N, C-alpha and C. Protein backbone atom coordinates (compact mmCIF):
# COMPACT_ATOMS: atom_id res chain seq x y z
N MET A 1 122.30 -141.52 -86.21
CA MET A 1 123.02 -142.15 -85.14
C MET A 1 122.41 -143.55 -84.97
N ASP A 2 123.26 -144.52 -84.91
CA ASP A 2 122.77 -145.88 -84.80
C ASP A 2 122.63 -146.28 -83.33
N SER A 3 122.06 -147.42 -83.10
CA SER A 3 121.77 -147.87 -81.74
C SER A 3 123.04 -148.18 -80.96
N GLY A 4 124.12 -148.58 -81.60
CA GLY A 4 125.38 -148.86 -80.92
C GLY A 4 125.99 -147.59 -80.34
N THR A 5 125.91 -146.53 -81.14
CA THR A 5 126.45 -145.25 -80.68
C THR A 5 125.61 -144.72 -79.54
N THR A 6 124.32 -144.86 -79.68
CA THR A 6 123.43 -144.41 -78.63
C THR A 6 123.71 -145.18 -77.34
N THR A 7 123.90 -146.47 -77.45
CA THR A 7 124.18 -147.29 -76.29
C THR A 7 125.50 -146.86 -75.64
N GLN A 8 126.49 -146.60 -76.48
CA GLN A 8 127.79 -146.16 -75.94
C GLN A 8 127.66 -144.80 -75.26
N LEU A 9 126.90 -143.89 -75.86
CA LEU A 9 126.71 -142.57 -75.24
C LEU A 9 125.97 -142.70 -73.91
N ILE A 10 124.99 -143.57 -73.87
CA ILE A 10 124.26 -143.79 -72.62
C ILE A 10 125.19 -144.38 -71.57
N THR A 11 126.02 -145.35 -71.97
CA THR A 11 126.96 -145.99 -71.05
C THR A 11 127.99 -144.98 -70.54
N VAL A 12 128.53 -144.19 -71.45
CA VAL A 12 129.51 -143.16 -71.06
C VAL A 12 128.84 -142.14 -70.15
N GLY A 13 127.64 -141.71 -70.48
CA GLY A 13 126.92 -140.74 -69.65
C GLY A 13 126.64 -141.30 -68.26
N ALA A 14 126.23 -142.58 -68.23
CA ALA A 14 125.96 -143.20 -66.94
C ALA A 14 127.24 -143.35 -66.13
N THR A 15 128.31 -143.72 -66.81
CA THR A 15 129.59 -143.87 -66.11
C THR A 15 130.06 -142.52 -65.57
N LEU A 16 129.98 -141.49 -66.41
CA LEU A 16 130.36 -140.15 -65.95
C LEU A 16 129.46 -139.68 -64.81
N GLY A 17 128.18 -139.96 -64.93
CA GLY A 17 127.26 -139.61 -63.84
C GLY A 17 127.62 -140.34 -62.56
N GLY A 18 127.99 -141.63 -62.68
CA GLY A 18 128.40 -142.41 -61.51
C GLY A 18 129.68 -141.86 -60.89
N VAL A 19 130.62 -141.47 -61.77
CA VAL A 19 131.88 -140.91 -61.27
C VAL A 19 131.60 -139.58 -60.56
N VAL A 20 130.76 -138.76 -61.16
CA VAL A 20 130.42 -137.47 -60.53
C VAL A 20 129.71 -137.70 -59.20
N LEU A 21 128.77 -138.61 -59.12
CA LEU A 21 128.08 -138.91 -57.87
C LEU A 21 129.05 -139.46 -56.83
N THR A 22 129.97 -140.31 -57.26
CA THR A 22 130.98 -140.85 -56.34
C THR A 22 131.85 -139.73 -55.79
N LEU A 23 132.29 -138.83 -56.67
CA LEU A 23 133.12 -137.69 -56.23
C LEU A 23 132.35 -136.79 -55.27
N LEU A 24 131.10 -136.52 -55.61
CA LEU A 24 130.29 -135.68 -54.72
C LEU A 24 130.08 -136.35 -53.36
N THR A 25 129.78 -137.63 -53.37
CA THR A 25 129.58 -138.36 -52.12
C THR A 25 130.86 -138.41 -51.31
N THR A 26 131.98 -138.68 -51.97
CA THR A 26 133.27 -138.72 -51.29
C THR A 26 133.61 -137.35 -50.69
N THR A 27 133.38 -136.31 -51.46
CA THR A 27 133.64 -134.95 -50.97
C THR A 27 132.76 -134.64 -49.77
N PHE A 28 131.49 -135.02 -49.85
CA PHE A 28 130.57 -134.78 -48.74
C PHE A 28 131.00 -135.55 -47.49
N VAL A 29 131.36 -136.82 -47.65
CA VAL A 29 131.79 -137.64 -46.52
C VAL A 29 133.08 -137.09 -45.92
N GLU A 30 134.04 -136.73 -46.76
CA GLU A 30 135.30 -136.18 -46.28
C GLU A 30 135.08 -134.84 -45.56
N SER A 31 134.18 -134.05 -46.08
CA SER A 31 133.85 -132.76 -45.44
C SER A 31 133.25 -132.99 -44.05
N ARG A 32 132.37 -133.97 -43.94
CA ARG A 32 131.79 -134.28 -42.63
C ARG A 32 132.84 -134.81 -41.66
N LYS A 33 133.75 -135.66 -42.16
CA LYS A 33 134.84 -136.18 -41.32
C LYS A 33 135.72 -135.04 -40.85
N LEU A 34 136.04 -134.12 -41.75
CA LEU A 34 136.88 -132.98 -41.40
C LEU A 34 136.20 -132.12 -40.33
N LYS A 35 134.91 -131.84 -40.52
CA LYS A 35 134.18 -131.05 -39.53
C LYS A 35 134.12 -131.76 -38.19
N ALA A 36 133.92 -133.07 -38.20
CA ALA A 36 133.88 -133.84 -36.95
C ALA A 36 135.24 -133.80 -36.28
N ALA A 37 136.32 -133.91 -37.05
CA ALA A 37 137.67 -133.85 -36.49
C ALA A 37 137.94 -132.45 -35.91
N GLN A 38 137.47 -131.42 -36.59
CA GLN A 38 137.65 -130.06 -36.09
C GLN A 38 136.88 -129.85 -34.79
N ARG A 39 135.65 -130.35 -34.73
CA ARG A 39 134.87 -130.24 -33.49
C ARG A 39 135.54 -130.99 -32.34
N ALA A 40 136.07 -132.17 -32.64
CA ALA A 40 136.76 -132.95 -31.61
C ALA A 40 138.01 -132.21 -31.13
N GLU A 41 138.73 -131.58 -32.06
CA GLU A 41 139.93 -130.82 -31.69
C GLU A 41 139.54 -129.59 -30.86
N GLU A 42 138.45 -128.93 -31.22
CA GLU A 42 137.98 -127.78 -30.43
C GLU A 42 137.59 -128.20 -29.02
N ARG A 43 136.91 -129.35 -28.91
CA ARG A 43 136.54 -129.85 -27.58
C ARG A 43 137.78 -130.20 -26.77
N LYS A 44 138.77 -130.80 -27.42
CA LYS A 44 140.02 -131.14 -26.74
C LYS A 44 140.74 -129.88 -26.28
N ARG A 45 140.82 -128.87 -27.14
CA ARG A 45 141.45 -127.61 -26.74
C ARG A 45 140.69 -126.95 -25.60
N ALA A 46 139.37 -126.98 -25.66
CA ALA A 46 138.56 -126.39 -24.58
C ALA A 46 138.78 -127.15 -23.27
N ALA A 47 138.86 -128.47 -23.34
CA ALA A 47 139.10 -129.26 -22.13
C ALA A 47 140.50 -129.00 -21.59
N ASP A 48 141.48 -128.92 -22.49
CA ASP A 48 142.85 -128.61 -22.06
C ASP A 48 142.92 -127.24 -21.41
N HIS A 49 142.25 -126.27 -22.01
CA HIS A 49 142.24 -124.91 -21.45
C HIS A 49 141.55 -124.89 -20.10
N ALA A 50 140.43 -125.59 -19.99
CA ALA A 50 139.72 -125.64 -18.71
C ALA A 50 140.59 -126.29 -17.64
N GLY A 51 141.32 -127.33 -17.99
CA GLY A 51 142.22 -127.97 -17.04
C GLY A 51 143.35 -127.05 -16.63
N TRP A 52 143.92 -126.37 -17.61
CA TRP A 52 145.00 -125.41 -17.33
C TRP A 52 144.48 -124.31 -16.41
N LEU A 53 143.31 -123.75 -16.74
CA LEU A 53 142.75 -122.68 -15.93
C LEU A 53 142.46 -123.14 -14.51
N ARG A 54 141.93 -124.33 -14.35
CA ARG A 54 141.66 -124.87 -13.01
C ARG A 54 142.96 -125.00 -12.23
N ASP A 55 144.00 -125.51 -12.88
CA ASP A 55 145.30 -125.66 -12.20
C ASP A 55 145.88 -124.30 -11.80
N GLU A 56 145.81 -123.33 -12.69
CA GLU A 56 146.32 -122.00 -12.39
C GLU A 56 145.50 -121.33 -11.28
N ARG A 57 144.21 -121.57 -11.30
CA ARG A 57 143.34 -121.01 -10.27
C ARG A 57 143.70 -121.57 -8.90
N VAL A 58 143.92 -122.88 -8.84
CA VAL A 58 144.30 -123.52 -7.57
C VAL A 58 145.64 -122.95 -7.09
N LYS A 59 146.59 -122.77 -8.01
CA LYS A 59 147.88 -122.18 -7.63
C LYS A 59 147.70 -120.77 -7.08
N ALA A 60 146.85 -119.99 -7.73
CA ALA A 60 146.60 -118.62 -7.26
C ALA A 60 145.96 -118.63 -5.88
N TYR A 61 145.00 -119.52 -5.67
CA TYR A 61 144.36 -119.62 -4.36
C TYR A 61 145.38 -120.00 -3.29
N ALA A 62 146.21 -120.97 -3.60
CA ALA A 62 147.23 -121.41 -2.64
C ALA A 62 148.22 -120.29 -2.35
N SER A 63 148.58 -119.54 -3.37
CA SER A 63 149.53 -118.45 -3.20
C SER A 63 148.99 -117.37 -2.28
N LEU A 64 147.72 -117.00 -2.46
CA LEU A 64 147.12 -115.99 -1.58
C LEU A 64 146.99 -116.52 -0.16
N SER A 65 146.63 -117.76 -0.02
CA SER A 65 146.52 -118.35 1.31
C SER A 65 147.87 -118.34 2.02
N THR A 66 148.91 -118.71 1.30
CA THR A 66 150.26 -118.73 1.87
C THR A 66 150.72 -117.32 2.23
N ALA A 67 150.50 -116.37 1.32
CA ALA A 67 150.91 -114.99 1.58
C ALA A 67 150.17 -114.41 2.78
N SER A 68 148.90 -114.73 2.93
CA SER A 68 148.15 -114.21 4.09
C SER A 68 148.64 -114.85 5.38
N GLU A 69 149.00 -116.13 5.32
CA GLU A 69 149.54 -116.79 6.51
C GLU A 69 150.88 -116.17 6.90
N GLU A 70 151.71 -115.85 5.93
CA GLU A 70 152.99 -115.20 6.24
C GLU A 70 152.77 -113.81 6.83
N ALA A 71 151.79 -113.08 6.32
CA ALA A 71 151.47 -111.77 6.89
C ALA A 71 150.97 -111.94 8.32
N PHE A 72 150.11 -112.91 8.52
CA PHE A 72 149.58 -113.20 9.86
C PHE A 72 150.72 -113.49 10.83
N GLN A 73 151.64 -114.35 10.42
CA GLN A 73 152.77 -114.72 11.29
C GLN A 73 153.67 -113.52 11.57
N LEU A 74 153.88 -112.66 10.59
CA LEU A 74 154.69 -111.46 10.81
C LEU A 74 154.04 -110.56 11.85
N VAL A 75 152.77 -110.32 11.71
CA VAL A 75 152.06 -109.47 12.67
C VAL A 75 152.10 -110.11 14.05
N ARG A 76 151.82 -111.39 14.13
CA ARG A 76 151.77 -112.07 15.42
C ARG A 76 153.13 -112.10 16.12
N SER A 77 154.18 -112.33 15.37
CA SER A 77 155.48 -112.53 16.01
C SER A 77 156.29 -111.24 16.18
N GLU A 78 156.13 -110.28 15.30
CA GLU A 78 157.04 -109.13 15.35
C GLU A 78 156.39 -107.81 15.73
N PHE A 79 155.11 -107.67 15.57
CA PHE A 79 154.50 -106.36 15.82
C PHE A 79 154.47 -106.00 17.29
N LEU A 80 154.66 -106.97 18.17
CA LEU A 80 154.74 -106.65 19.59
C LEU A 80 156.00 -105.85 19.90
N GLN A 81 157.00 -105.92 19.02
CA GLN A 81 158.26 -105.21 19.22
C GLN A 81 158.20 -103.76 18.74
N LEU A 82 157.06 -103.38 18.19
CA LEU A 82 156.90 -101.98 17.76
C LEU A 82 156.77 -101.09 18.97
N PRO A 83 157.23 -99.90 18.98
CA PRO A 83 157.87 -99.14 17.91
C PRO A 83 159.38 -99.27 17.87
N GLU A 84 160.00 -100.06 18.76
CA GLU A 84 161.46 -100.12 18.81
C GLU A 84 162.08 -100.52 17.48
N ASN A 85 161.64 -101.57 16.87
CA ASN A 85 162.23 -102.08 15.63
C ASN A 85 161.37 -101.71 14.42
N ARG A 86 160.79 -100.54 14.44
CA ARG A 86 159.82 -100.17 13.41
C ARG A 86 160.39 -100.21 12.01
N ALA A 87 161.58 -99.69 11.79
CA ALA A 87 162.13 -99.64 10.43
C ALA A 87 162.28 -101.06 9.85
N GLU A 88 162.80 -101.97 10.64
CA GLU A 88 162.97 -103.35 10.18
C GLU A 88 161.62 -104.03 9.95
N ILE A 89 160.72 -103.83 10.89
CA ILE A 89 159.41 -104.47 10.78
C ILE A 89 158.63 -103.90 9.60
N GLU A 90 158.71 -102.59 9.41
CA GLU A 90 158.02 -102.00 8.25
C GLU A 90 158.59 -102.52 6.94
N ALA A 91 159.89 -102.70 6.88
CA ALA A 91 160.51 -103.24 5.66
C ALA A 91 160.00 -104.66 5.39
N ARG A 92 159.96 -105.48 6.43
CA ARG A 92 159.43 -106.84 6.26
C ARG A 92 157.95 -106.81 5.90
N TRP A 93 157.21 -105.88 6.51
CA TRP A 93 155.79 -105.77 6.18
C TRP A 93 155.60 -105.36 4.71
N ARG A 94 156.41 -104.44 4.23
CA ARG A 94 156.29 -104.04 2.82
C ARG A 94 156.50 -105.24 1.90
N GLU A 95 157.46 -106.09 2.23
CA GLU A 95 157.68 -107.31 1.44
C GLU A 95 156.45 -108.22 1.49
N ARG A 96 155.93 -108.44 2.71
CA ARG A 96 154.74 -109.30 2.86
C ARG A 96 153.55 -108.68 2.13
N ARG A 97 153.38 -107.37 2.29
CA ARG A 97 152.26 -106.69 1.64
C ARG A 97 152.36 -106.80 0.12
N SER A 98 153.56 -106.68 -0.41
CA SER A 98 153.76 -106.83 -1.85
C SER A 98 153.43 -108.24 -2.31
N GLU A 99 153.88 -109.24 -1.57
CA GLU A 99 153.56 -110.63 -1.91
C GLU A 99 152.06 -110.87 -1.82
N LEU A 100 151.45 -110.31 -0.80
CA LEU A 100 150.01 -110.44 -0.61
C LEU A 100 149.25 -109.81 -1.78
N ARG A 101 149.69 -108.64 -2.20
CA ARG A 101 149.03 -107.95 -3.30
C ARG A 101 149.20 -108.72 -4.62
N LYS A 102 150.40 -109.22 -4.87
CA LYS A 102 150.63 -110.01 -6.09
C LYS A 102 149.74 -111.26 -6.10
N ALA A 103 149.67 -111.92 -4.96
CA ALA A 103 148.84 -113.12 -4.87
C ALA A 103 147.37 -112.76 -5.05
N HIS A 104 146.94 -111.65 -4.46
CA HIS A 104 145.56 -111.20 -4.63
C HIS A 104 145.28 -110.90 -6.10
N ASN A 105 146.23 -110.27 -6.78
CA ASN A 105 146.04 -109.95 -8.20
C ASN A 105 145.87 -111.22 -9.03
N GLN A 106 146.60 -112.27 -8.70
CA GLN A 106 146.46 -113.54 -9.43
C GLN A 106 145.06 -114.12 -9.21
N VAL A 107 144.57 -114.04 -7.99
CA VAL A 107 143.21 -114.53 -7.71
C VAL A 107 142.20 -113.67 -8.46
N ALA A 108 142.41 -112.35 -8.46
CA ALA A 108 141.49 -111.46 -9.18
C ALA A 108 141.49 -111.77 -10.67
N LEU A 109 142.63 -112.16 -11.19
CA LEU A 109 142.75 -112.46 -12.62
C LEU A 109 142.16 -113.81 -12.97
N LEU A 110 142.43 -114.82 -12.16
CA LEU A 110 142.09 -116.20 -12.53
C LEU A 110 140.92 -116.81 -11.75
N GLY A 111 140.59 -116.23 -10.61
CA GLY A 111 139.59 -116.85 -9.74
C GLY A 111 138.17 -116.64 -10.22
N THR A 112 137.27 -117.41 -9.63
CA THR A 112 135.86 -117.20 -9.89
C THR A 112 135.34 -116.10 -8.96
N GLU A 113 134.10 -115.75 -9.12
CA GLU A 113 133.54 -114.55 -8.46
C GLU A 113 133.70 -114.57 -6.94
N GLU A 114 133.25 -115.63 -6.29
CA GLU A 114 133.27 -115.66 -4.82
C GLU A 114 134.69 -115.66 -4.25
N PRO A 115 135.61 -116.49 -4.74
CA PRO A 115 136.99 -116.39 -4.24
C PRO A 115 137.63 -115.02 -4.53
N ARG A 116 137.30 -114.40 -5.65
CA ARG A 116 137.83 -113.06 -5.93
C ARG A 116 137.35 -112.08 -4.87
N ARG A 117 136.07 -112.15 -4.57
CA ARG A 117 135.50 -111.24 -3.57
C ARG A 117 136.11 -111.50 -2.20
N ARG A 118 136.20 -112.76 -1.82
CA ARG A 118 136.76 -113.11 -0.51
C ARG A 118 138.27 -112.82 -0.46
N GLY A 119 138.96 -112.99 -1.57
CA GLY A 119 140.38 -112.67 -1.62
C GLY A 119 140.63 -111.19 -1.43
N LYS A 120 139.76 -110.38 -2.00
CA LYS A 120 139.88 -108.93 -1.83
C LYS A 120 139.65 -108.55 -0.37
N GLU A 121 138.66 -109.20 0.26
CA GLU A 121 138.42 -108.95 1.68
C GLU A 121 139.64 -109.32 2.52
N LEU A 122 140.26 -110.43 2.19
CA LEU A 122 141.45 -110.88 2.92
C LEU A 122 142.60 -109.89 2.76
N TRP A 123 142.84 -109.49 1.53
CA TRP A 123 143.91 -108.53 1.27
C TRP A 123 143.65 -107.22 2.01
N LYS A 124 142.41 -106.73 1.96
CA LYS A 124 142.08 -105.48 2.64
C LYS A 124 142.16 -105.61 4.16
N ALA A 125 141.77 -106.76 4.70
CA ALA A 125 141.85 -106.96 6.15
C ALA A 125 143.29 -106.85 6.62
N ALA A 126 144.20 -107.46 5.89
CA ALA A 126 145.61 -107.39 6.28
C ALA A 126 146.15 -105.97 6.08
N ARG A 127 145.94 -105.42 4.91
CA ARG A 127 146.47 -104.09 4.61
C ARG A 127 145.91 -103.03 5.55
N ASN A 128 144.60 -102.98 5.67
CA ASN A 128 143.98 -101.94 6.50
C ASN A 128 144.29 -102.14 7.98
N GLY A 129 144.32 -103.39 8.42
CA GLY A 129 144.63 -103.64 9.82
C GLY A 129 146.02 -103.17 10.19
N VAL A 130 147.00 -103.49 9.36
CA VAL A 130 148.37 -103.06 9.64
C VAL A 130 148.50 -101.55 9.49
N ASN A 131 147.82 -100.98 8.50
CA ASN A 131 147.84 -99.52 8.36
C ASN A 131 147.29 -98.85 9.62
N ASP A 132 146.26 -99.42 10.21
CA ASP A 132 145.70 -98.87 11.45
C ASP A 132 146.72 -98.94 12.59
N VAL A 133 147.47 -100.03 12.66
CA VAL A 133 148.48 -100.17 13.71
C VAL A 133 149.55 -99.09 13.54
N PHE A 134 150.03 -98.92 12.32
CA PHE A 134 151.05 -97.90 12.08
C PHE A 134 150.49 -96.49 12.32
N ALA A 135 149.21 -96.28 12.02
CA ALA A 135 148.58 -94.98 12.28
C ALA A 135 148.52 -94.70 13.78
N GLU A 136 148.26 -95.73 14.58
CA GLU A 136 148.26 -95.55 16.03
C GLU A 136 149.64 -95.13 16.53
N LEU A 137 150.67 -95.75 15.97
CA LEU A 137 152.03 -95.38 16.36
C LEU A 137 152.35 -93.95 15.91
N ASP A 138 151.92 -93.60 14.70
CA ASP A 138 152.16 -92.26 14.19
C ASP A 138 151.42 -91.21 15.01
N ALA A 139 150.30 -91.62 15.62
CA ALA A 139 149.50 -90.70 16.44
C ALA A 139 150.10 -90.53 17.83
N GLY A 140 151.19 -91.25 18.12
CA GLY A 140 151.87 -91.04 19.39
C GLY A 140 151.79 -92.17 20.38
N ALA A 141 151.24 -93.31 19.98
CA ALA A 141 151.19 -94.44 20.91
C ALA A 141 152.61 -94.92 21.20
N SER A 142 152.86 -95.21 22.46
CA SER A 142 154.21 -95.65 22.84
C SER A 142 154.43 -97.14 22.55
N ALA A 143 153.33 -97.87 22.41
CA ALA A 143 153.39 -99.29 22.07
C ALA A 143 152.08 -99.64 21.36
N VAL A 144 152.10 -100.74 20.69
CA VAL A 144 150.90 -101.19 20.00
C VAL A 144 150.00 -101.87 21.01
N PRO A 145 148.78 -101.39 21.17
CA PRO A 145 147.86 -102.05 22.10
C PRO A 145 147.56 -103.48 21.64
N ARG A 146 147.53 -104.37 22.59
CA ARG A 146 147.26 -105.78 22.29
C ARG A 146 145.92 -105.94 21.57
N GLU A 147 144.95 -105.08 21.92
CA GLU A 147 143.63 -105.16 21.28
C GLU A 147 143.74 -104.87 19.78
N SER A 148 144.64 -103.95 19.42
CA SER A 148 144.83 -103.61 18.00
C SER A 148 145.42 -104.80 17.25
N LEU A 149 146.41 -105.44 17.85
CA LEU A 149 146.99 -106.61 17.21
C LEU A 149 145.98 -107.75 17.11
N ASP A 150 145.21 -107.93 18.16
CA ASP A 150 144.18 -108.98 18.13
C ASP A 150 143.16 -108.70 17.03
N ARG A 151 142.80 -107.43 16.87
CA ARG A 151 141.84 -107.05 15.83
C ARG A 151 142.42 -107.35 14.43
N VAL A 152 143.69 -107.03 14.22
CA VAL A 152 144.34 -107.31 12.93
C VAL A 152 144.39 -108.82 12.71
N LEU A 153 144.84 -109.55 13.71
CA LEU A 153 144.98 -111.00 13.57
C LEU A 153 143.64 -111.68 13.35
N SER A 154 142.64 -111.28 14.09
CA SER A 154 141.33 -111.92 13.89
C SER A 154 140.74 -111.52 12.54
N GLY A 155 141.01 -110.29 12.09
CA GLY A 155 140.54 -109.87 10.77
C GLY A 155 141.16 -110.70 9.66
N ILE A 156 142.47 -110.92 9.75
CA ILE A 156 143.16 -111.74 8.74
C ILE A 156 142.68 -113.18 8.83
N SER A 157 142.57 -113.69 10.04
CA SER A 157 142.15 -115.08 10.24
C SER A 157 140.72 -115.32 9.73
N ASP A 158 139.80 -114.44 10.11
CA ASP A 158 138.41 -114.61 9.69
C ASP A 158 138.26 -114.48 8.17
N ALA A 159 138.91 -113.46 7.60
CA ALA A 159 138.85 -113.28 6.14
C ALA A 159 139.51 -114.47 5.44
N GLY A 160 140.60 -114.98 6.03
CA GLY A 160 141.27 -116.14 5.45
C GLY A 160 140.39 -117.38 5.46
N ASP A 161 139.67 -117.57 6.55
CA ASP A 161 138.75 -118.71 6.62
C ASP A 161 137.65 -118.60 5.56
N ARG A 162 137.09 -117.41 5.39
CA ARG A 162 136.05 -117.21 4.37
C ARG A 162 136.62 -117.42 2.97
N PHE A 163 137.85 -116.96 2.76
CA PHE A 163 138.50 -117.14 1.46
C PHE A 163 138.70 -118.63 1.17
N LEU A 164 139.22 -119.36 2.14
CA LEU A 164 139.45 -120.79 1.93
C LEU A 164 138.15 -121.55 1.67
N GLU A 165 137.09 -121.17 2.36
CA GLU A 165 135.81 -121.82 2.14
C GLU A 165 135.32 -121.55 0.72
N ALA A 166 135.46 -120.33 0.24
CA ALA A 166 135.06 -120.01 -1.13
C ALA A 166 135.92 -120.77 -2.14
N CYS A 167 137.21 -120.89 -1.86
CA CYS A 167 138.11 -121.63 -2.75
C CYS A 167 137.72 -123.10 -2.78
N ARG A 168 137.46 -123.66 -1.62
CA ARG A 168 137.07 -125.07 -1.53
C ARG A 168 135.80 -125.32 -2.34
N ALA A 169 134.82 -124.46 -2.18
CA ALA A 169 133.56 -124.61 -2.92
C ALA A 169 133.80 -124.50 -4.43
N ASP A 170 134.67 -123.59 -4.83
CA ASP A 170 134.96 -123.42 -6.24
C ASP A 170 135.66 -124.64 -6.82
N VAL A 171 136.69 -125.10 -6.14
CA VAL A 171 137.48 -126.22 -6.65
C VAL A 171 136.67 -127.51 -6.64
N GLN A 172 135.90 -127.75 -5.58
CA GLN A 172 135.10 -128.96 -5.52
C GLN A 172 133.94 -128.91 -6.50
N GLY A 173 133.42 -127.71 -6.73
CA GLY A 173 132.32 -127.56 -7.70
C GLY A 173 132.80 -127.76 -9.12
N ALA A 174 134.06 -127.39 -9.39
CA ALA A 174 134.60 -127.51 -10.75
C ALA A 174 135.12 -128.90 -11.02
N GLY A 175 135.45 -129.64 -9.97
CA GLY A 175 136.08 -130.96 -10.15
C GLY A 175 135.10 -131.99 -10.52
């Protein structure tokens, strides 16, 4: 083999080596770019999900607050008419109770720990308080004692205040 052939083989080998190194470097750089793009997309999806969850959580909190206020207003305005209009009032209460339960379930599903706990207290205060009023009537009371209604109303109001405070702390802490 003469020196010209050797020189050509060395040149070809060096060129092929350069091409291989360029391909490897390009592949490595493209792989890093792809991984960086994937990480950025994952962060964007996580941020979008966190925003969606925060929005849904706020809606759930507002829904339970509204449902409890409607229950409060029903008890305050119509329960004094018991037992005369019991069938109508019970029907309206069942609707309010159902809305209250659905709203509570949304908070239980989407809320953070403290609002979930306070939401459950609110739901139970309304449900148990009204159940107690109906139990008094079933036990033979001729009218609902004002003290019983006051107990139900203050139970809903106090639990509602605690729920709103927990919601406020959650939303302001997340914002």
